[in-house]
């Protein structure tokens, strides 16, 4: 009977074991109060912190889309894991929740232990930035499912918030201020369009005054806002927060607004990063297309009472970018001042 039949079918169990050995030190570096047990079990255990009186668990899941293809094309797997964590923990944080733990799913056609370690090391860095623990995951080798050198990622996050401290937008009213927090770049959405417009350009060169090679700019990891949000929630009485992902401003800001309210954002009230000017010009994109596809320089929009806006801007380095208005259609529009 063959001993290596599974290997001949394309699955290398020894490589999988090597990945587990490689990632152990990275995973343990994310551990925080609440982690029960160690890696290697069938499930990850976590104790909800006892300081919570009436805890609600908040769960989120996401991926990083076709930004993965760019990372694979450039052979740069070390930061894409940060993006994976960011897309999940930022969503949990805008609910007012503290991210507690994270799970990842890594799937590939042919497992490269060094590459897998680099991806997981990035995931662990994202977890450290967010203050959550990586307590489990799955590494799947599936020959025939993925093209050579390709892999896919998914992430899952669970957080906790006091029942009476949930940020769900219900307290928002007309006249409230919108404060935008800067993005680090394109973050992790719109990359199908990014690759369509810029994919044929030399990635090792600086274009349009980007200040860095194009590939480096496009792979800049998504900013993680968790610790800032948790601090501002208490200090400035945040009443709403929006993670600007797929759908841009027009698709995301209305998600937090009560019925009968809309938002007006003022064009030019925040700086537009060079990468967005490049995308706009190369693709001849309209304002409407830009604002419903990209974050355009703002990765997070916070809602506060107008009397708190100036202090929040001073503390965060952000920008007052608009306000909440009465609007039966519940839309978010970006217009000239």
C-alpha atoms as a PDB file:
ATOM      1  CA  UNK A   1       0.000   0.000   0.000  1.00  0.00           C
ATOM      2  CA  UNK A   2       1.329   3.437  -0.893  1.00  0.00           C
ATOM      3  CA  UNK A   3       2.398   5.643   2.008  1.00  0.00           C
ATOM      4  CA  UNK A   4       2.453   8.878   0.020  1.00  0.00           C
ATOM      5  CA  UNK A   5      -0.824   8.621  -1.889  1.00  0.00           C
ATOM      6  CA  UNK A   6      -2.205  11.859  -0.414  1.00  0.00           C
ATOM      7  CA  UNK A   7       1.010  13.687  -1.310  1.00  0.00           C
ATOM      8  CA  UNK A   8       0.779  12.326  -4.870  1.00  0.00           C
ATOM      9  CA  UNK A   9      -2.778  13.690  -4.980  1.00  0.00           C
ATOM     10  CA  UNK A  10      -1.353  17.113  -4.180  1.00  0.00           C
ATOM     11  CA  UNK A  11      -1.805  17.426  -0.417  1.00  0.00           C
ATOM     12  CA  UNK A  12       1.345  17.581   1.713  1.00  0.00           C
ATOM     13  CA  UNK A  13       0.481  16.818   5.353  1.00  0.00           C
ATOM     14  CA  UNK A  14       4.075  17.420   6.406  1.00  0.00           C
ATOM     15  CA  UNK A  15       3.931  20.938   4.936  1.00  0.00           C
ATOM     16  CA  UNK A  16       0.769  21.581   6.941  1.00  0.00           C
ATOM     17  CA  UNK A  17       2.503  20.438  10.119  1.00  0.00           C
ATOM     18  CA  UNK A  18       5.419  22.724   9.299  1.00  0.00           C
ATOM     19  CA  UNK A  19       3.043  25.681   8.985  1.00  0.00           C
ATOM     20  CA  UNK A  20       1.631  24.963  12.449  1.00  0.00           C
ATOM     21  CA  UNK A  21       5.150  24.878  13.871  1.00  0.00           C
ATOM     22  CA  UNK A  22       6.103  28.109  12.094  1.00  0.00           C
ATOM     23  CA  UNK A  23       3.098  30.160  13.180  1.00  0.00           C
ATOM     24  CA  UNK A  24       3.022  29.192  16.856  1.00  0.00           C
ATOM     25  CA  UNK A  25       5.207  32.060  18.079  1.00  0.00           C
ATOM     26  CA  UNK A  26       3.231  34.583  16.026  1.00  0.00           C
ATOM     27  CA  UNK A  27      -0.129  33.372  17.290  1.00  0.00           C
ATOM     28  CA  UNK A  28       0.921  33.377  20.947  1.00  0.00           C
ATOM     29  CA  UNK A  29       2.118  36.977  20.592  1.00  0.00           C
ATOM     30  CA  UNK A  30      -1.540  38.013  20.197  1.00  0.00           C
ATOM     31  CA  UNK A  31      -2.794  36.356  23.383  1.00  0.00           C
ATOM     32  CA  UNK A  32      -4.613  38.591  25.857  1.00  0.00           C
ATOM     33  CA  UNK A  33      -6.700  38.186  28.976  1.00  0.00           C
ATOM     34  CA  UNK A  34      -9.526  35.786  28.213  1.00  0.00           C
ATOM     35  CA  UNK A  35      -7.656  33.272  26.080  1.00  0.00           C
ATOM     36  CA  UNK A  36      -8.195  29.730  27.383  1.00  0.00           C
ATOM     37  CA  UNK A  37      -5.893  26.999  26.108  1.00  0.00           C
ATOM     38  CA  UNK A  38      -3.375  27.015  23.263  1.00  0.00           C
ATOM     39  CA  UNK A  39      -3.294  26.428  19.509  1.00  0.00           C
ATOM     40  CA  UNK A  40      -3.950  22.979  18.102  1.00  0.00           C
ATOM     41  CA  UNK A  41      -7.358  22.111  19.507  1.00  0.00           C
ATOM     42  CA  UNK A  42     -10.558  21.594  17.580  1.00  0.00           C
ATOM     43  CA  UNK A  43     -11.918  24.922  18.808  1.00  0.00           C
ATOM     44  CA  UNK A  44     -10.683  28.148  20.374  1.00  0.00           C
ATOM     45  CA  UNK A  45     -11.904  29.062  23.850  1.00  0.00           C
ATOM     46  CA  UNK A  46     -12.297  32.574  25.233  1.00  0.00           C
ATOM     47  CA  UNK A  47     -13.668  33.932  28.517  1.00  0.00           C
ATOM     48  CA  UNK A  48     -15.672  37.149  28.163  1.00  0.00           C
ATOM     49  CA  UNK A  49     -14.060  39.755  30.472  1.00  0.00           C
ATOM     50  CA  UNK A  50     -15.829  39.909  33.820  1.00  0.00           C
ATOM     51  CA  UNK A  51     -15.891  43.710  33.812  1.00  0.00           C
ATOM     52  CA  UNK A  52     -18.830  43.609  31.388  1.00  0.00           C
ATOM     53  CA  UNK A  53     -22.184  43.822  33.199  1.00  0.00           C
ATOM     54  CA  UNK A  54     -24.615  42.974  30.372  1.00  0.00           C
ATOM     55  CA  UNK A  55     -22.385  41.882  27.498  1.00  0.00           C
ATOM     56  CA  UNK A  56     -23.535  41.533  23.922  1.00  0.00           C
ATOM     57  CA  UNK A  57     -21.301  39.643  21.522  1.00  0.00           C
ATOM     58  CA  UNK A  58     -20.786  41.205  18.093  1.00  0.00           C
ATOM     59  CA  UNK A  59     -19.509  39.087  15.193  1.00  0.00           C
ATOM     60  CA  UNK A  60     -18.111  40.080  11.823  1.00  0.00           C
ATOM     61  CA  UNK A  61     -16.540  38.362   8.832  1.00  0.00           C
ATOM     62  CA  UNK A  62     -14.811  39.584   5.685  1.00  0.00           C
ATOM     63  CA  UNK A  63     -11.984  39.032   3.225  1.00  0.00           C
ATOM     64  CA  UNK A  64      -9.660  41.323   1.290  1.00  0.00           C
ATOM     65  CA  UNK A  65     -11.037  40.838  -2.210  1.00  0.00           C
ATOM     66  CA  UNK A  66      -8.851  41.105  -5.289  1.00  0.00           C
ATOM     67  CA  UNK A  67      -6.155  43.001  -3.408  1.00  0.00           C
ATOM     68  CA  UNK A  68      -4.967  39.443  -2.792  1.00  0.00           C
ATOM     69  CA  UNK A  69      -4.165  39.070  -6.492  1.00  0.00           C
ATOM     70  CA  UNK A  70      -1.919  42.108  -6.363  1.00  0.00           C
ATOM     71  CA  UNK A  71      -0.104  40.786  -3.290  1.00  0.00           C
ATOM     72  CA  UNK A  72       0.402  37.460  -5.057  1.00  0.00           C
ATOM     73  CA  UNK A  73       1.535  39.141  -8.276  1.00  0.00           C
ATOM     74  CA  UNK A  74       4.175  41.140  -6.410  1.00  0.00           C
ATOM     75  CA  UNK A  75       5.169  38.305  -4.100  1.00  0.00           C
ATOM     76  CA  UNK A  76       4.348  40.401  -1.024  1.00  0.00           C
ATOM     77  CA  UNK A  77       2.302  38.319   1.447  1.00  0.00           C
ATOM     78  CA  UNK A  78       3.543  40.010   4.606  1.00  0.00           C
ATOM     79  CA  UNK A  79       0.933  42.774   4.979  1.00  0.00           C
ATOM     80  CA  UNK A  80      -2.224  41.284   3.466  1.00  0.00           C
ATOM     81  CA  UNK A  81      -3.049  39.654   6.809  1.00  0.00           C
ATOM     82  CA  UNK A  82      -3.266  43.096   8.403  1.00  0.00           C
ATOM     83  CA  UNK A  83      -5.890  43.982   5.805  1.00  0.00           C
ATOM     84  CA  UNK A  84      -7.833  40.842   6.669  1.00  0.00           C
ATOM     85  CA  UNK A  85      -7.984  41.713  10.359  1.00  0.00           C
ATOM     86  CA  UNK A  86      -8.733  45.371   9.682  1.00  0.00           C
ATOM     87  CA  UNK A  87     -11.763  44.648   7.526  1.00  0.00           C
ATOM     88  CA  UNK A  88     -13.310  42.605  10.324  1.00  0.00           C
ATOM     89  CA  UNK A  89     -12.309  44.475  13.495  1.00  0.00           C
ATOM     90  CA  UNK A  90     -13.204  47.900  12.105  1.00  0.00           C
ATOM     91  CA  UNK A  91     -16.711  46.634  11.365  1.00  0.00           C
ATOM     92  CA  UNK A  92     -17.055  45.295  14.912  1.00  0.00           C
ATOM     93  CA  UNK A  93     -15.649  48.487  16.428  1.00  0.00           C
ATOM     94  CA  UNK A  94     -18.168  50.797  14.735  1.00  0.00           C
ATOM     95  CA  UNK A  95     -20.832  48.978  16.763  1.00  0.00           C
ATOM     96  CA  UNK A  96     -19.053  50.223  19.883  1.00  0.00           C
ATOM     97  CA  UNK A  97     -17.565  46.795  20.573  1.00  0.00           C
ATOM     98  CA  UNK A  98     -14.143  45.776  21.791  1.00  0.00           C
ATOM     99  CA  UNK A  99     -12.758  43.022  19.508  1.00  0.00           C
ATOM    100  CA  UNK A 100     -11.913  39.968  21.617  1.00  0.00           C
ATOM    101  CA  UNK A 101     -10.725  37.244  19.283  1.00  0.00           C
ATOM    102  CA  UNK A 102     -10.120  36.439  15.645  1.00  0.00           C
ATOM    103  CA  UNK A 103     -10.184  33.325  13.441  1.00  0.00           C
ATOM    104  CA  UNK A 104      -8.634  32.988   9.999  1.00  0.00           C
ATOM    105  CA  UNK A 105      -9.078  30.705   6.999  1.00  0.00           C
ATOM    106  CA  UNK A 106      -6.183  30.263   4.553  1.00  0.00           C
ATOM    107  CA  UNK A 107      -6.787  28.138   1.447  1.00  0.00           C
ATOM    108  CA  UNK A 108      -4.381  27.372  -1.373  1.00  0.00           C
ATOM    109  CA  UNK A 109      -3.760  24.865  -4.127  1.00  0.00           C
ATOM    110  CA  UNK A 110      -0.172  24.146  -3.074  1.00  0.00           C
ATOM    111  CA  UNK A 111       0.977  24.996   0.430  1.00  0.00           C
ATOM    112  CA  UNK A 112       4.176  27.037   0.762  1.00  0.00           C
ATOM    113  CA  UNK A 113       5.030  27.046   4.491  1.00  0.00           C
ATOM    114  CA  UNK A 114       7.125  30.241   4.316  1.00  0.00           C
ATOM    115  CA  UNK A 115       4.381  32.089   2.465  1.00  0.00           C
ATOM    116  CA  UNK A 116       1.707  30.855   4.862  1.00  0.00           C
ATOM    117  CA  UNK A 117       3.829  31.947   7.811  1.00  0.00           C
ATOM    118  CA  UNK A 118       4.222  35.431   6.327  1.00  0.00           C
ATOM    119  CA  UNK A 119       0.453  35.753   5.866  1.00  0.00           C
ATOM    120  CA  UNK A 120      -0.294  34.578   9.413  1.00  0.00           C
ATOM    121  CA  UNK A 121       2.424  36.858  10.818  1.00  0.00           C
ATOM    122  CA  UNK A 122       0.547  39.750   9.187  1.00  0.00           C
ATOM    123  CA  UNK A 123      -2.722  38.543  10.684  1.00  0.00           C
ATOM    124  CA  UNK A 124      -1.053  38.475  14.094  1.00  0.00           C
ATOM    125  CA  UNK A 125       0.264  42.007  13.617  1.00  0.00           C
ATOM    126  CA  UNK A 126      -3.269  43.143  12.811  1.00  0.00           C
ATOM    127  CA  UNK A 127      -4.571  41.395  15.914  1.00  0.00           C
ATOM    128  CA  UNK A 128      -1.967  43.115  18.075  1.00  0.00           C
ATOM    129  CA  UNK A 129      -2.934  46.493  16.625  1.00  0.00           C
ATOM    130  CA  UNK A 130      -6.594  45.770  17.385  1.00  0.00           C
ATOM    131  CA  UNK A 131      -5.979  44.241  20.822  1.00  0.00           C
ATOM    132  CA  UNK A 132      -7.631  40.928  19.960  1.00  0.00           C
ATOM    133  CA  UNK A 133      -6.306  37.373  20.106  1.00  0.00           C
ATOM    134  CA  UNK A 134      -5.912  34.933  17.236  1.00  0.00           C
ATOM    135  CA  UNK A 135      -7.340  31.793  18.842  1.00  0.00           C
ATOM    136  CA  UNK A 136      -7.958  29.542  15.866  1.00  0.00           C
ATOM    137  CA  UNK A 137      -7.892  29.073  12.138  1.00  0.00           C
ATOM    138  CA  UNK A 138      -7.741  26.676   9.244  1.00  0.00           C
ATOM    139  CA  UNK A 139      -5.065  26.054   6.641  1.00  0.00           C
ATOM    140  CA  UNK A 140      -6.498  24.156   3.667  1.00  0.00           C
ATOM    141  CA  UNK A 141      -4.488  22.708   0.786  1.00  0.00           C
ATOM    142  CA  UNK A 142      -6.840  22.015  -2.116  1.00  0.00           C
ATOM    143  CA  UNK A 143      -5.094  21.093  -5.384  1.00  0.00           C
ATOM    144  CA  UNK A 144      -7.141  21.970  -8.431  1.00  0.00           C
ATOM    145  CA  UNK A 145      -9.226  24.543  -6.581  1.00  0.00           C
ATOM    146  CA  UNK A 146      -6.751  27.412  -6.984  1.00  0.00           C
ATOM    147  CA  UNK A 147      -4.311  28.416  -9.700  1.00  0.00           C
ATOM    148  CA  UNK A 148      -0.594  27.887  -8.964  1.00  0.00           C
ATOM    149  CA  UNK A 149       0.772  30.315  -6.338  1.00  0.00           C
ATOM    150  CA  UNK A 150      -2.712  31.575  -5.530  1.00  0.00           C
ATOM    151  CA  UNK A 151      -4.374  31.523  -2.133  1.00  0.00           C
ATOM    152  CA  UNK A 152      -7.514  32.931  -0.544  1.00  0.00           C
ATOM    153  CA  UNK A 153      -8.234  34.374   2.890  1.00  0.00           C
ATOM    154  CA  UNK A 154     -11.246  34.887   5.108  1.00  0.00           C
ATOM    155  CA  UNK A 155     -11.425  36.325   8.605  1.00  0.00           C
ATOM    156  CA  UNK A 156     -13.884  36.153  11.477  1.00  0.00           C
ATOM    157  CA  UNK A 157     -13.962  38.421  14.529  1.00  0.00           C
ATOM    158  CA  UNK A 158     -15.998  38.438  17.736  1.00  0.00           C
ATOM    159  CA  UNK A 159     -16.211  41.468  20.017  1.00  0.00           C
ATOM    160  CA  UNK A 160     -18.177  42.534  23.070  1.00  0.00           C
ATOM    161  CA  UNK A 161     -20.093  45.644  24.059  1.00  0.00           C
ATOM    162  CA  UNK A 162     -22.305  46.588  26.972  1.00  0.00           C
ATOM    163  CA  UNK A 163     -25.934  46.278  25.959  1.00  0.00           C
ATOM    164  CA  UNK A 164     -26.599  49.930  26.821  1.00  0.00           C
ATOM    165  CA  UNK A 165     -23.486  51.190  24.991  1.00  0.00           C
ATOM    166  CA  UNK A 166     -24.175  49.794  21.520  1.00  0.00           C
ATOM    167  CA  UNK A 167     -23.545  52.357  18.764  1.00  0.00           C
ATOM    168  CA  UNK A 168     -26.421  51.762  16.371  1.00  0.00           C
ATOM    169  CA  UNK A 169     -27.137  55.294  15.179  1.00  0.00           C
ATOM    170  CA  UNK A 170     -30.537  55.547  16.855  1.00  0.00           C
ATOM    171  CA  UNK A 171     -29.531  58.718  18.709  1.00  0.00           C
ATOM    172  CA  UNK A 172     -28.395  60.538  15.566  1.00  0.00           C
ATOM    173  CA  UNK A 173     -30.351  63.668  14.689  1.00  0.00           C
ATOM    174  CA  UNK A 174     -30.260  66.439  12.093  1.00  0.00           C
ATOM    175  CA  UNK A 175     -27.432  68.877  12.764  1.00  0.00           C
ATOM    176  CA  UNK A 176     -24.988  66.304  14.093  1.00  0.00           C
ATOM    177  CA  UNK A 177     -21.460  66.633  12.745  1.00  0.00           C
ATOM    178  CA  UNK A 178     -19.551  64.184  10.578  1.00  0.00           C
ATOM    179  CA  UNK A 179     -15.857  63.843  11.414  1.00  0.00           C
ATOM    180  CA  UNK A 180     -13.673  61.901   9.000  1.00  0.00           C
ATOM    181  CA  UNK A 181     -10.533  59.990   9.951  1.00  0.00           C
ATOM    182  CA  UNK A 182      -7.840  59.641   7.317  1.00  0.00           C
ATOM    183  CA  UNK A 183      -7.272  56.380   5.489  1.00  0.00           C
ATOM    184  CA  UNK A 184      -3.829  54.925   4.828  1.00  0.00           C
ATOM    185  CA  UNK A 185      -4.676  54.585   1.140  1.00  0.00           C
ATOM    186  CA  UNK A 186      -7.070  52.499  -0.922  1.00  0.00           C
ATOM    187  CA  UNK A 187      -7.492  50.039   2.000  1.00  0.00           C
ATOM    188  CA  UNK A 188      -9.144  46.805   0.771  1.00  0.00           C
ATOM    189  CA  UNK A 189     -11.989  47.648  -1.567  1.00  0.00           C
ATOM    190  CA  UNK A 190     -12.288  48.705  -5.185  1.00  0.00           C
ATOM    191  CA  UNK A 191      -9.305  46.625  -6.292  1.00  0.00           C
ATOM    192  CA  UNK A 192     -11.041  45.098  -9.276  1.00  0.00           C
ATOM    193  CA  UNK A 193     -11.253  48.626 -10.676  1.00  0.00           C
ATOM    194  CA  UNK A 194      -7.770  49.528  -9.392  1.00  0.00           C
ATOM    195  CA  UNK A 195      -6.226  46.544 -11.177  1.00  0.00           C
ATOM    196  CA  UNK A 196      -8.215  47.270 -14.320  1.00  0.00           C
ATOM    197  CA  UNK A 197      -6.936  50.853 -14.432  1.00  0.00           C
ATOM    198  CA  UNK A 198      -3.394  50.522 -13.084  1.00  0.00           C
ATOM    199  CA  UNK A 199      -2.487  46.845 -13.398  1.00  0.00           C
ATOM    200  CA  UNK A 200      -0.403  47.281 -16.557  1.00  0.00           C
ATOM    201  CA  UNK A 201       1.792  50.040 -15.093  1.00  0.00           C
ATOM    202  CA  UNK A 202       5.265  49.274 -13.652  1.00  0.00           C
ATOM    203  CA  UNK A 203       4.642  48.590  -9.984  1.00  0.00           C
ATOM    204  CA  UNK A 204       8.217  49.382  -8.945  1.00  0.00           C
ATOM    205  CA  UNK A 205       8.008  52.990 -10.172  1.00  0.00           C
ATOM    206  CA  UNK A 206       6.632  56.153  -8.590  1.00  0.00           C
ATOM    207  CA  UNK A 207       3.810  57.608 -10.683  1.00  0.00           C
ATOM    208  CA  UNK A 208       1.902  60.876 -10.369  1.00  0.00           C
ATOM    209  CA  UNK A 209       3.930  62.035  -7.380  1.00  0.00           C
ATOM    210  CA  UNK A 210       2.826  59.173  -5.145  1.00  0.00           C
ATOM    211  CA  UNK A 211       6.033  59.452  -3.120  1.00  0.00           C
ATOM    212  CA  UNK A 212       6.634  55.689  -3.244  1.00  0.00           C
ATOM    213  CA  UNK A 213       6.509  52.852  -5.792  1.00  0.00           C
ATOM    214  CA  UNK A 214       3.003  52.164  -7.056  1.00  0.00           C
ATOM    215  CA  UNK A 215       2.994  48.579  -5.777  1.00  0.00           C
ATOM    216  CA  UNK A 216       3.971  49.729  -2.278  1.00  0.00           C
ATOM    217  CA  UNK A 217       1.219  52.356  -2.247  1.00  0.00           C
ATOM    218  CA  UNK A 218      -1.432  49.877  -3.417  1.00  0.00           C
ATOM    219  CA  UNK A 219      -0.396  47.241  -0.856  1.00  0.00           C
ATOM    220  CA  UNK A 220      -0.324  49.689   2.056  1.00  0.00           C
ATOM    221  CA  UNK A 221      -2.421  47.884   4.692  1.00  0.00           C
ATOM    222  CA  UNK A 222      -5.847  49.040   5.815  1.00  0.00           C
ATOM    223  CA  UNK A 223      -5.715  51.301   8.850  1.00  0.00           C
ATOM    224  CA  UNK A 224      -7.041  49.747  12.048  1.00  0.00           C
ATOM    225  CA  UNK A 225      -9.129  52.259  14.007  1.00  0.00           C
ATOM    226  CA  UNK A 226     -10.203  50.079  16.935  1.00  0.00           C
ATOM    227  CA  UNK A 227      -8.293  51.604  19.834  1.00  0.00           C
ATOM    228  CA  UNK A 228      -9.081  55.139  18.681  1.00  0.00           C
ATOM    229  CA  UNK A 229     -12.791  54.382  18.392  1.00  0.00           C
ATOM    230  CA  UNK A 230     -12.978  52.842  21.841  1.00  0.00           C
ATOM    231  CA  UNK A 231     -11.287  55.918  23.303  1.00  0.00           C
ATOM    232  CA  UNK A 232     -13.333  58.496  21.369  1.00  0.00           C
ATOM    233  CA  UNK A 233     -16.598  56.713  22.161  1.00  0.00           C
ATOM    234  CA  UNK A 234     -16.161  57.596  25.824  1.00  0.00           C
ATOM    235  CA  UNK A 235     -14.371  60.940  25.512  1.00  0.00           C
ATOM    236  CA  UNK A 236     -16.582  62.573  22.892  1.00  0.00           C
ATOM    237  CA  UNK A 237     -19.871  60.705  23.213  1.00  0.00           C
ATOM    238  CA  UNK A 238     -19.781  59.152  19.765  1.00  0.00           C
ATOM    239  CA  UNK A 239     -23.303  58.399  18.551  1.00  0.00           C
ATOM    240  CA  UNK A 240     -22.391  56.711  15.304  1.00  0.00           C
ATOM    241  CA  UNK A 241     -19.449  55.427  13.279  1.00  0.00           C
ATOM    242  CA  UNK A 242     -19.121  54.226   9.697  1.00  0.00           C
ATOM    243  CA  UNK A 243     -16.375  52.044   8.231  1.00  0.00           C
ATOM    244  CA  UNK A 244     -15.913  53.198   4.633  1.00  0.00           C
ATOM    245  CA  UNK A 245     -15.501  49.999   2.625  1.00  0.00           C
ATOM    246  CA  UNK A 246     -17.121  48.725  -0.574  1.00  0.00           C
ATOM    247  CA  UNK A 247     -19.816  51.197  -1.557  1.00  0.00           C
ATOM    248  CA  UNK A 248     -17.807  54.227  -0.500  1.00  0.00           C
ATOM    249  CA  UNK A 249     -19.557  57.126   1.196  1.00  0.00           C
ATOM    250  CA  UNK A 250     -22.844  56.832  -0.649  1.00  0.00           C
ATOM    251  CA  UNK A 251     -23.260  53.160   0.205  1.00  0.00           C
ATOM    252  CA  UNK A 252     -22.012  53.127   3.780  1.00  0.00           C
ATOM    253  CA  UNK A 253     -22.902  56.366   5.565  1.00  0.00           C
ATOM    254  CA  UNK A 254     -26.686  55.829   5.177  1.00  0.00           C
ATOM    255  CA  UNK A 255     -26.375  52.462   6.966  1.00  0.00           C
ATOM    256  CA  UNK A 256     -26.007  54.201  10.333  1.00  0.00           C
ATOM    257  CA  UNK A 257     -28.668  56.906   9.848  1.00  0.00           C
ATOM    258  CA  UNK A 258     -32.205  56.656  11.249  1.00  0.00           C
ATOM    259  CA  UNK A 259     -35.117  56.839   8.823  1.00  0.00           C
ATOM    260  CA  UNK A 260     -35.768  60.347   7.565  1.00  0.00           C
ATOM    261  CA  UNK A 261     -32.171  61.495   7.845  1.00  0.00           C
ATOM    262  CA  UNK A 262     -29.419  61.835   5.273  1.00  0.00           C
ATOM    263  CA  UNK A 263     -25.899  63.202   5.181  1.00  0.00           C
ATOM    264  CA  UNK A 264     -24.150  65.970   3.276  1.00  0.00           C
ATOM    265  CA  UNK A 265     -20.384  65.784   2.920  1.00  0.00           C
ATOM    266  CA  UNK A 266     -18.454  68.783   1.646  1.00  0.00           C
ATOM    267  CA  UNK A 267     -16.042  68.174  -1.201  1.00  0.00           C
ATOM    268  CA  UNK A 268     -12.553  69.445  -0.392  1.00  0.00           C
ATOM    269  CA  UNK A 269     -13.045  69.405   3.386  1.00  0.00           C
ATOM    270  CA  UNK A 270     -10.406  66.685   3.656  1.00  0.00           C
ATOM    271  CA  UNK A 271      -7.200  66.023   1.655  1.00  0.00           C
ATOM    272  CA  UNK A 272      -7.401  63.700  -1.332  1.00  0.00           C
ATOM    273  CA  UNK A 273      -4.433  61.323  -1.392  1.00  0.00           C
ATOM    274  CA  UNK A 274      -2.377  61.242  -4.632  1.00  0.00           C
ATOM    275  CA  UNK A 275      -3.432  57.646  -5.374  1.00  0.00           C
ATOM    276  CA  UNK A 276      -7.060  58.758  -5.656  1.00  0.00           C
ATOM    277  CA  UNK A 277      -6.163  61.652  -7.959  1.00  0.00           C
ATOM    278  CA  UNK A 278      -4.296  59.135 -10.085  1.00  0.00           C
ATOM    279  CA  UNK A 279      -7.249  56.748 -10.233  1.00  0.00           C
ATOM    280  CA  UNK A 280      -9.624  59.608 -11.044  1.00  0.00           C
ATOM    281  CA  UNK A 281      -7.483  60.872 -13.931  1.00  0.00           C
ATOM    282  CA  UNK A 282      -6.343  57.554 -15.399  1.00  0.00           C
ATOM    283  CA  UNK A 283      -9.887  56.179 -15.379  1.00  0.00           C
ATOM    284  CA  UNK A 284     -11.654  59.455 -16.216  1.00  0.00           C
ATOM    285  CA  UNK A 285     -13.880  58.637 -13.237  1.00  0.00           C
ATOM    286  CA  UNK A 286     -16.714  60.905 -12.202  1.00  0.00           C
ATOM    287  CA  UNK A 287     -17.137  62.156  -8.645  1.00  0.00           C
ATOM    288  CA  UNK A 288     -20.135  59.862  -8.328  1.00  0.00           C
ATOM    289  CA  UNK A 289     -18.058  56.826  -9.309  1.00  0.00           C
ATOM    290  CA  UNK A 290     -15.245  57.771  -6.945  1.00  0.00           C
ATOM    291  CA  UNK A 291     -17.511  58.349  -3.948  1.00  0.00           C
ATOM    292  CA  UNK A 292     -19.422  55.091  -4.355  1.00  0.00           C
ATOM    293  CA  UNK A 293     -16.311  52.952  -4.940  1.00  0.00           C
ATOM    294  CA  UNK A 294     -13.378  54.250  -2.879  1.00  0.00           C
ATOM    295  CA  UNK A 295     -12.789  55.758   0.550  1.00  0.00           C
ATOM    296  CA  UNK A 296     -11.154  58.764  -1.185  1.00  0.00           C
ATOM    297  CA  UNK A 297      -8.924  59.423   1.816  1.00  0.00           C
ATOM    298  CA  UNK A 298     -11.363  58.775   4.695  1.00  0.00           C
ATOM    299  CA  UNK A 299     -11.485  55.273   6.128  1.00  0.00           C
ATOM    300  CA  UNK A 300     -13.860  56.100   8.964  1.00  0.00           C
ATOM    301  CA  UNK A 301     -16.621  58.669   9.469  1.00  0.00           C
ATOM    302  CA  UNK A 302     -17.747  59.445  13.015  1.00  0.00           C
ATOM    303  CA  UNK A 303     -20.985  61.099  14.076  1.00  0.00           C
ATOM    304  CA  UNK A 304     -20.956  63.448  17.101  1.00  0.00           C
ATOM    305  CA  UNK A 305     -22.971  66.311  18.471  1.00  0.00           C
ATOM    306  CA  UNK A 306     -21.754  69.554  16.858  1.00  0.00           C
ATOM    307  CA  UNK A 307     -20.409  70.876  20.163  1.00  0.00           C
ATOM    308  CA  UNK A 308     -17.960  67.947  20.351  1.00  0.00           C
ATOM    309  CA  UNK A 309     -16.709  68.149  16.755  1.00  0.00           C
ATOM    310  CA  UNK A 310     -13.814  70.575  17.268  1.00  0.00           C
ATOM    311  CA  UNK A 311     -12.417  68.653  20.235  1.00  0.00           C
ATOM    312  CA  UNK A 312     -12.694  65.351  18.370  1.00  0.00           C
ATOM    313  CA  UNK A 313     -10.864  66.823  15.382  1.00  0.00           C
ATOM    314  CA  UNK A 314      -8.097  68.129  17.657  1.00  0.00           C
ATOM    315  CA  UNK A 315      -7.699  64.743  19.342  1.00  0.00           C
ATOM    316  CA  UNK A 316      -7.904  62.593  16.222  1.00  0.00           C
ATOM    317  CA  UNK A 317      -6.262  64.720  13.556  1.00  0.00           C
ATOM    318  CA  UNK A 318      -9.421  64.251  11.533  1.00  0.00           C
ATOM    319  CA  UNK A 319     -11.647  66.661   9.658  1.00  0.00           C
ATOM    320  CA  UNK A 320     -15.180  68.016   9.958  1.00  0.00           C
ATOM    321  CA  UNK A 321     -16.452  66.753   6.605  1.00  0.00           C
ATOM    322  CA  UNK A 322     -20.200  67.397   6.745  1.00  0.00           C
ATOM    323  CA  UNK A 323     -23.361  67.028   8.751  1.00  0.00           C
ATOM    324  CA  UNK A 324     -26.556  65.056   9.178  1.00  0.00           C
ATOM    325  CA  UNK A 325     -29.619  66.566   7.488  1.00  0.00           C
ATOM    326  CA  UNK A 326     -33.294  65.814   7.172  1.00  0.00           C
ATOM    327  CA  UNK A 327     -33.781  63.715   4.041  1.00  0.00           C
ATOM    328  CA  UNK A 328     -36.684  61.386   3.362  1.00  0.00           C
ATOM    329  CA  UNK A 329     -34.573  59.456   0.839  1.00  0.00           C
ATOM    330  CA  UNK A 330     -31.856  58.795   3.440  1.00  0.00           C
ATOM    331  CA  UNK A 331     -28.995  59.468   1.041  1.00  0.00           C
ATOM    332  CA  UNK A 332     -25.427  60.593   1.507  1.00  0.00           C
ATOM    333  CA  UNK A 333     -24.325  63.202  -1.025  1.00  0.00           C
ATOM    334  CA  UNK A 334     -20.952  64.859  -1.543  1.00  0.00           C
ATOM    335  CA  UNK A 335     -21.232  68.386  -2.873  1.00  0.00           C
ATOM    336  CA  UNK A 336     -19.356  71.634  -3.244  1.00  0.00           C
ATOM    337  CA  UNK A 337     -19.273  73.970  -0.234  1.00  0.00           C
END
